[in-house]
């Protein structure tokens, strides 16, 4: 996928993910294999050094609430 799409989360290329108000990409700790799609949805035992999946989604919901949704 890297050859065809460039930077990606394992399922979706960053350029393909840019719709609406793009909020950037997530990183994991430098010693982690990275933050990919499975990490972001809490799979793989919910352990990704440097990334907290529940907090990630709480932040999204909080942002939506602040914008009146």
N, C-alpha and C. Protein backbone atom coordinates (compact mmCIF):
# COMPACT_ATOMS: atom_id res chain seq x y z
N UNK A 1 0.82 -1.19 0.00
CA UNK A 1 0.00 0.00 0.00
C UNK A 1 0.87 1.26 0.00
N UNK A 2 2.00 1.20 0.67
CA UNK A 2 2.88 2.37 0.73
C UNK A 2 3.29 2.83 -0.66
N UNK A 3 3.56 1.90 -1.55
CA UNK A 3 3.99 2.25 -2.91
C UNK A 3 2.86 2.95 -3.67
N UNK A 4 1.64 2.47 -3.53
CA UNK A 4 0.49 3.03 -4.27
C UNK A 4 -0.09 4.30 -3.64
N UNK A 5 -0.21 4.30 -2.31
CA UNK A 5 -0.93 5.38 -1.61
C UNK A 5 -0.02 6.32 -0.83
N UNK A 6 1.21 5.93 -0.58
CA UNK A 6 2.08 6.74 0.27
C UNK A 6 1.76 6.47 1.73
N UNK A 7 1.93 7.49 2.57
CA UNK A 7 1.65 7.34 4.00
C UNK A 7 0.23 6.83 4.20
N UNK A 8 0.05 5.90 5.15
CA UNK A 8 -1.27 5.29 5.37
C UNK A 8 -1.37 4.74 6.77
N UNK A 9 -2.58 4.34 7.14
CA UNK A 9 -2.81 3.73 8.46
C UNK A 9 -2.96 2.22 8.36
N UNK A 10 -2.58 1.66 7.26
CA UNK A 10 -2.72 0.22 7.05
C UNK A 10 -3.92 -0.12 6.21
N UNK A 11 -4.89 0.77 6.15
CA UNK A 11 -6.10 0.54 5.35
C UNK A 11 -6.42 1.70 4.42
N UNK A 12 -6.13 2.92 4.86
CA UNK A 12 -6.50 4.12 4.11
C UNK A 12 -5.29 5.04 3.99
N UNK A 13 -5.02 5.52 2.78
CA UNK A 13 -3.95 6.48 2.58
C UNK A 13 -4.30 7.83 3.18
N UNK A 14 -3.30 8.56 3.65
CA UNK A 14 -3.54 9.86 4.27
C UNK A 14 -4.26 10.79 3.29
N UNK A 15 -3.84 10.83 2.05
CA UNK A 15 -4.49 11.71 1.08
C UNK A 15 -5.97 11.35 0.89
N UNK A 16 -6.30 10.07 0.94
CA UNK A 16 -7.70 9.65 0.80
C UNK A 16 -8.52 10.00 2.03
N UNK A 17 -7.86 10.15 3.16
CA UNK A 17 -8.57 10.45 4.41
C UNK A 17 -8.87 11.93 4.57
N UNK A 18 -8.32 12.76 3.73
CA UNK A 18 -8.50 14.20 3.86
C UNK A 18 -9.83 14.63 3.24
N UNK A 19 -10.85 14.67 4.06
CA UNK A 19 -12.16 15.16 3.64
C UNK A 19 -12.75 15.90 4.82
N UNK A 20 -13.61 16.84 4.57
CA UNK A 20 -14.13 17.66 5.65
C UNK A 20 -13.02 18.48 6.27
N UNK A 21 -13.03 18.58 7.57
CA UNK A 21 -12.00 19.32 8.30
C UNK A 21 -10.92 18.35 8.75
N UNK A 22 -9.89 18.18 7.94
CA UNK A 22 -8.82 17.23 8.22
C UNK A 22 -8.10 17.64 9.50
N UNK A 23 -7.95 16.69 10.42
CA UNK A 23 -7.37 16.99 11.72
C UNK A 23 -5.99 16.38 11.92
N UNK A 24 -5.38 15.94 10.85
CA UNK A 24 -4.02 15.43 10.95
C UNK A 24 -3.97 13.92 11.13
N UNK A 25 -2.79 13.45 11.44
CA UNK A 25 -2.57 12.02 11.64
C UNK A 25 -2.12 11.78 13.07
N UNK A 26 -2.31 10.58 13.55
CA UNK A 26 -1.92 10.20 14.90
C UNK A 26 -0.57 9.49 14.89
N UNK A 27 0.23 9.74 15.88
CA UNK A 27 1.51 9.07 16.04
C UNK A 27 1.48 8.24 17.31
N UNK A 28 2.37 7.28 17.35
CA UNK A 28 2.57 6.49 18.57
C UNK A 28 3.94 6.85 19.12
N UNK A 29 4.32 6.21 20.20
CA UNK A 29 5.64 6.46 20.78
C UNK A 29 6.73 6.04 19.80
N UNK A 30 7.89 6.64 19.92
CA UNK A 30 8.99 6.38 18.98
C UNK A 30 9.41 4.92 18.98
N UNK A 31 9.21 4.21 20.10
CA UNK A 31 9.62 2.80 20.20
C UNK A 31 8.50 1.84 19.79
N UNK A 32 7.37 2.39 19.39
CA UNK A 32 6.23 1.57 18.97
C UNK A 32 6.32 1.30 17.47
N UNK A 33 5.69 0.20 17.00
CA UNK A 33 5.68 -0.04 15.56
C UNK A 33 4.79 0.96 14.80
N UNK A 34 4.10 1.83 15.51
CA UNK A 34 3.28 2.85 14.87
C UNK A 34 1.83 2.78 15.29
N UNK A 35 1.08 3.74 14.82
CA UNK A 35 -0.34 3.81 15.13
C UNK A 35 -1.10 3.59 13.84
N UNK A 36 -1.65 2.39 13.67
CA UNK A 36 -2.37 2.10 12.44
C UNK A 36 -3.87 1.98 12.70
N UNK A 37 -4.61 1.62 11.68
CA UNK A 37 -6.06 1.56 11.79
C UNK A 37 -6.51 0.63 12.91
N UNK A 38 -5.90 -0.53 13.04
CA UNK A 38 -6.30 -1.46 14.09
C UNK A 38 -6.07 -0.88 15.47
N UNK A 39 -4.97 -0.16 15.67
CA UNK A 39 -4.72 0.47 16.96
C UNK A 39 -5.77 1.53 17.27
N UNK A 40 -6.17 2.27 16.24
CA UNK A 40 -7.10 3.38 16.46
C UNK A 40 -8.50 2.92 16.83
N UNK A 41 -8.87 1.72 16.41
CA UNK A 41 -10.21 1.22 16.76
C UNK A 41 -10.16 0.29 17.96
N UNK A 42 -8.99 0.22 18.62
CA UNK A 42 -8.88 -0.52 19.87
C UNK A 42 -8.61 -2.00 19.74
N UNK A 43 -8.27 -2.49 18.55
CA UNK A 43 -7.93 -3.90 18.40
C UNK A 43 -6.52 -4.15 18.91
N UNK A 44 -6.06 -5.36 18.81
CA UNK A 44 -4.73 -5.74 19.28
C UNK A 44 -4.58 -5.46 20.77
N UNK A 45 -5.59 -5.82 21.53
CA UNK A 45 -5.60 -5.70 22.98
C UNK A 45 -5.65 -4.26 23.48
N UNK A 46 -5.87 -3.32 22.58
CA UNK A 46 -5.98 -1.92 22.98
C UNK A 46 -4.68 -1.32 23.46
N UNK A 47 -3.55 -1.92 23.11
CA UNK A 47 -2.26 -1.43 23.58
C UNK A 47 -1.44 -0.88 22.42
N UNK A 48 -1.23 0.40 22.43
CA UNK A 48 -0.34 1.05 21.47
C UNK A 48 0.43 2.11 22.25
N UNK A 49 1.70 1.86 22.52
CA UNK A 49 2.48 2.84 23.29
C UNK A 49 2.39 4.23 22.68
N UNK A 50 2.02 5.21 23.50
CA UNK A 50 1.93 6.59 23.03
C UNK A 50 0.59 6.97 22.41
N UNK A 51 -0.36 6.03 22.35
CA UNK A 51 -1.68 6.33 21.78
C UNK A 51 -2.75 5.73 22.66
N UNK A 52 -3.74 6.53 23.03
CA UNK A 52 -4.84 6.10 23.89
C UNK A 52 -6.13 6.15 23.08
N UNK A 53 -6.59 4.99 22.59
CA UNK A 53 -7.77 4.94 21.72
C UNK A 53 -9.01 5.57 22.37
N UNK A 54 -9.36 5.20 23.62
CA UNK A 54 -10.56 5.83 24.20
C UNK A 54 -10.43 7.36 24.27
N UNK A 55 -9.27 7.86 24.65
CA UNK A 55 -9.07 9.30 24.75
C UNK A 55 -9.16 9.96 23.37
N UNK A 56 -8.69 9.28 22.35
CA UNK A 56 -8.78 9.78 20.98
C UNK A 56 -10.23 10.04 20.60
N UNK A 57 -11.11 9.08 20.88
CA UNK A 57 -12.52 9.23 20.52
C UNK A 57 -13.25 10.21 21.44
N UNK A 58 -12.84 10.29 22.70
CA UNK A 58 -13.41 11.30 23.61
C UNK A 58 -13.11 12.70 23.07
N UNK A 59 -11.88 12.90 22.59
CA UNK A 59 -11.51 14.19 22.02
C UNK A 59 -12.35 14.53 20.79
N UNK A 60 -12.62 13.53 19.94
CA UNK A 60 -13.45 13.76 18.77
C UNK A 60 -14.86 14.18 19.17
N UNK A 61 -15.44 13.47 20.12
CA UNK A 61 -16.80 13.77 20.57
C UNK A 61 -16.84 15.15 21.23
N UNK A 62 -15.82 15.46 22.02
CA UNK A 62 -15.76 16.77 22.67
C UNK A 62 -15.70 17.89 21.64
N UNK A 63 -14.92 17.69 20.58
CA UNK A 63 -14.84 18.69 19.51
C UNK A 63 -16.17 18.87 18.81
N UNK A 64 -16.87 17.79 18.57
CA UNK A 64 -18.19 17.88 17.95
C UNK A 64 -19.17 18.62 18.86
N UNK A 65 -19.12 18.32 20.16
CA UNK A 65 -20.00 18.98 21.11
C UNK A 65 -19.72 20.49 21.13
N UNK A 66 -18.43 20.84 21.12
CA UNK A 66 -18.05 22.27 21.12
C UNK A 66 -18.56 22.99 19.88
N UNK A 67 -18.71 22.26 18.79
CA UNK A 67 -19.21 22.87 17.55
C UNK A 67 -20.73 22.78 17.43
N UNK A 68 -21.41 22.30 18.46
CA UNK A 68 -22.86 22.32 18.49
C UNK A 68 -23.56 21.07 18.01
N UNK A 69 -22.83 19.99 17.83
CA UNK A 69 -23.45 18.74 17.37
C UNK A 69 -23.91 17.91 18.56
